Amino acid sequence: MQPTTNLTLPPNASFLTRMRTALHALKVLSDDPANPHYGPLLNACLDSETYAHMARAWRERPESRALLDERPTLQGRDLDLAALAALPPGTLGHAFTRYFHDNGIEPFISDFPVVDDVDYLSKRYRETHDLFHVITGYATDEPGEMELQAFVLGNLGVRQAVLILAYSIPRRVQQHG
């Protein structure tokens, strides 16, 4: 059941507040994986420092600085899936639309507020989740999601992947004995 009001992370939240909020977000996401607020909130709780470090590094290079300044989105309401589907087979855009069609899902839409670079990178990570599935070939079932978390942990260093894996592995063992 989705809460009636969205929980937020206070500025300069303590480690314990971040963990409590992250665990709450993870519980919401286990029942509602496409939740537009709690996915980015989980990222913000656990990876603000990761995104702050990334933003500082990106601000030093003109190409990545432009991404942070322009803040393009991959939100479902901003994607032209019909145009992407019309691209030739074998292109990323075509594969991206096949992924949504084949899995019967829609691109993420987020209502998470973007105030700064850290918020943007947190939201952007959530928006690119499905794109990572396309690139890696990992399925959208629970094992595939766990594989994807291991991939992002190794490649991006996001700590939320550790919490998701720590939460998912015992659940999976319990479900499948």
Protein backbone atom coordinates (compact mmCIF):
# COMPACT_ATOMS: atom_id res chain seq x y z
CA MET A 1 0.00 0.00 0.00
CA GLN A 2 1.41 3.37 -1.01
CA PRO A 3 1.55 6.01 1.74
CA THR A 4 -0.75 9.00 1.35
CA THR A 5 2.12 11.48 1.72
CA ASN A 6 5.63 11.03 0.42
CA LEU A 7 8.39 10.79 2.98
CA THR A 8 11.26 13.19 2.37
CA LEU A 9 14.88 13.35 3.43
CA PRO A 10 15.68 16.40 5.56
CA PRO A 11 18.73 18.47 4.61
CA ASN A 12 21.93 17.28 6.30
CA ALA A 13 20.17 14.16 7.58
CA SER A 14 22.11 11.97 9.97
CA PHE A 15 23.25 8.48 9.00
CA LEU A 16 20.47 6.93 11.11
CA THR A 17 17.80 9.12 9.50
CA ARG A 18 19.15 8.21 6.06
CA MET A 19 19.05 4.50 6.91
CA ARG A 20 15.52 4.63 8.41
CA THR A 21 14.27 6.55 5.39
CA ALA A 22 16.09 4.20 2.99
CA LEU A 23 14.58 1.10 4.63
CA HIS A 24 11.13 2.66 4.44
CA ALA A 25 11.68 3.51 0.77
CA LEU A 26 12.91 -0.03 0.08
CA LYS A 27 9.77 -1.47 1.68
CA VAL A 28 7.56 0.74 -0.49
CA LEU A 29 9.59 -0.22 -3.58
CA SER A 30 9.35 -3.95 -2.84
CA ASP A 31 5.56 -3.62 -3.23
CA ASP A 32 5.63 -0.86 -5.87
CA PRO A 33 8.93 -0.99 -7.86
CA ALA A 34 7.92 1.81 -10.23
CA ASN A 35 7.01 4.23 -7.44
CA PRO A 36 7.87 7.69 -8.81
CA HIS A 37 9.00 9.13 -5.48
CA TYR A 38 10.61 6.37 -3.45
CA GLY A 39 13.13 5.16 -6.07
CA PRO A 40 14.95 8.50 -6.25
CA LEU A 41 14.50 8.93 -2.48
CA LEU A 42 16.31 5.63 -1.88
CA ASN A 43 19.13 6.84 -4.12
CA ALA A 44 19.33 10.15 -2.27
CA CYS A 45 19.39 8.47 1.15
CA LEU A 46 22.24 6.13 0.35
CA ASP A 47 24.20 7.76 -2.41
CA SER A 48 24.14 11.52 -1.92
CA GLU A 49 27.89 11.49 -1.30
CA THR A 50 28.46 9.29 -4.36
CA TYR A 51 26.43 11.67 -6.52
CA ALA A 52 28.11 14.75 -4.97
CA HIS A 53 31.53 13.30 -5.81
CA MET A 54 30.32 12.46 -9.32
CA ALA A 55 28.87 15.97 -9.77
CA ARG A 56 32.14 17.62 -8.70
CA ALA A 57 34.08 15.49 -11.19
CA TRP A 58 31.55 16.12 -13.95
CA ARG A 59 31.62 19.88 -13.40
CA GLU A 60 35.32 19.80 -14.36
CA ARG A 61 34.64 18.55 -17.91
CA PRO A 62 32.69 20.60 -20.49
CA GLU A 63 30.73 17.59 -21.86
CA SER A 64 29.51 16.36 -18.52
CA ARG A 65 29.02 19.90 -17.19
CA ALA A 66 26.58 20.45 -20.06
CA LEU A 67 24.56 17.41 -18.92
CA LEU A 68 24.34 18.82 -15.40
CA ASP A 69 23.43 22.30 -16.67
CA GLU A 70 20.80 21.15 -19.17
CA ARG A 71 19.46 18.27 -17.04
CA PRO A 72 17.89 16.26 -19.86
CA THR A 73 15.43 13.61 -18.81
CA LEU A 74 14.53 10.07 -19.78
CA GLN A 75 11.15 10.27 -18.06
CA GLY A 76 8.35 8.34 -19.67
CA ARG A 77 6.34 11.47 -20.42
CA ASP A 78 9.33 12.92 -22.32
CA LEU A 79 10.27 9.87 -24.41
CA ASP A 80 8.88 9.43 -27.91
CA LEU A 81 8.69 5.65 -27.90
CA ALA A 82 7.08 5.58 -31.36
CA ALA A 83 10.06 7.45 -32.85
CA LEU A 84 12.49 5.15 -31.04
CA ALA A 85 10.59 2.07 -32.25
CA ALA A 86 10.93 3.33 -35.83
CA LEU A 87 14.73 3.21 -35.58
CA PRO A 88 16.43 0.26 -37.29
CA PRO A 89 16.67 -3.06 -35.42
CA GLY A 90 19.98 -3.31 -33.61
CA THR A 91 19.96 0.32 -32.49
CA LEU A 92 19.75 1.17 -28.81
CA GLY A 93 16.55 3.18 -29.29
CA HIS A 94 14.82 0.28 -31.02
CA ALA A 95 16.01 -2.18 -28.36
CA PHE A 96 14.84 0.21 -25.64
CA THR A 97 11.28 0.24 -26.97
CA ARG A 98 11.29 -3.55 -27.46
CA TYR A 99 12.31 -3.91 -23.82
CA PHE A 100 9.25 -1.96 -22.64
CA HIS A 101 6.95 -3.81 -25.03
CA ASP A 102 8.33 -7.28 -24.24
CA ASN A 103 8.13 -6.70 -20.48
CA GLY A 104 4.74 -4.98 -20.52
CA ILE A 105 6.07 -1.97 -18.61
CA GLU A 106 6.24 1.78 -19.09
CA PRO A 107 9.24 4.11 -18.63
CA PHE A 108 9.63 5.58 -15.15
CA ILE A 109 8.03 8.88 -14.27
CA SER A 110 9.40 10.63 -11.21
CA ASP A 111 7.94 13.39 -9.10
CA PHE A 112 11.14 13.66 -7.08
CA PRO A 113 12.11 17.35 -6.78
CA VAL A 114 15.39 18.34 -8.46
CA VAL A 115 17.04 21.19 -6.62
CA ASP A 116 20.72 20.58 -7.35
CA ASP A 117 23.18 18.34 -9.21
CA VAL A 118 22.94 15.61 -6.56
CA ASP A 119 19.14 15.46 -6.89
CA TYR A 120 19.47 15.39 -10.68
CA LEU A 121 21.99 12.52 -10.66
CA SER A 122 19.83 10.59 -8.20
CA LYS A 123 16.80 11.01 -10.44
CA ARG A 124 18.84 10.31 -13.58
CA TYR A 125 20.09 7.04 -12.12
CA ARG A 126 16.48 5.96 -11.58
CA GLU A 127 15.54 7.02 -15.13
CA THR A 128 18.39 5.01 -16.65
CA HIS A 129 17.56 1.83 -14.71
CA ASP A 130 15.68 0.29 -17.65
CA LEU A 131 18.38 1.35 -20.07
CA PHE A 132 20.87 -0.62 -17.97
CA HIS A 133 18.62 -3.67 -18.38
CA VAL A 134 18.79 -3.24 -22.17
CA ILE A 135 22.56 -2.77 -22.19
CA THR A 136 23.31 -5.71 -19.86
CA GLY A 137 20.58 -8.06 -21.03
CA TYR A 138 19.55 -8.78 -17.41
CA ALA A 139 15.90 -9.72 -17.01
CA THR A 140 13.33 -7.81 -14.97
CA ASP A 141 12.62 -10.75 -12.66
CA GLU A 142 14.10 -10.85 -9.15
CA PRO A 143 17.34 -12.63 -10.16
CA GLY A 144 17.80 -10.19 -13.06
CA GLU A 145 17.24 -7.22 -10.78
CA MET A 146 19.82 -8.61 -8.36
CA GLU A 147 22.30 -9.08 -11.23
CA LEU A 148 21.66 -5.50 -12.32
CA GLN A 149 22.32 -4.23 -8.78
CA ALA A 150 25.66 -6.05 -8.76
CA PHE A 151 26.43 -4.45 -12.15
CA VAL A 152 25.69 -0.90 -10.96
CA LEU A 153 27.56 -1.46 -7.71
CA GLY A 154 30.68 -2.50 -9.64
CA ASN A 155 30.39 0.17 -12.33
CA LEU A 156 28.94 3.18 -10.55
CA GLY A 157 29.70 2.44 -6.92
CA VAL A 158 26.18 3.24 -5.75
CA ARG A 159 25.68 1.98 -2.22
CA GLN A 160 21.95 1.47 -2.57
CA ALA A 161 22.80 -1.66 -4.56
CA VAL A 162 24.35 -3.20 -1.43
CA LEU A 163 21.17 -2.57 0.59
CA ILE A 164 18.95 -3.92 -2.18
CA LEU A 165 21.06 -7.06 -2.48
CA ALA A 166 21.19 -7.50 1.30
CA TYR A 167 17.40 -7.12 1.39
CA SER A 168 16.72 -9.32 -1.66
CA ILE A 169 18.99 -12.30 -1.07
CA PRO A 170 17.39 -13.41 2.24
CA ARG A 171 13.91 -12.80 0.75
CA ARG A 172 14.81 -14.95 -2.25
CA VAL A 173 16.21 -17.73 -0.04
CA GLN A 174 13.11 -17.62 2.16
CA GLN A 175 10.78 -17.76 -0.88
CA HIS A 176 12.63 -20.56 -2.63
CA GLY A 177 14.07 -22.41 0.38
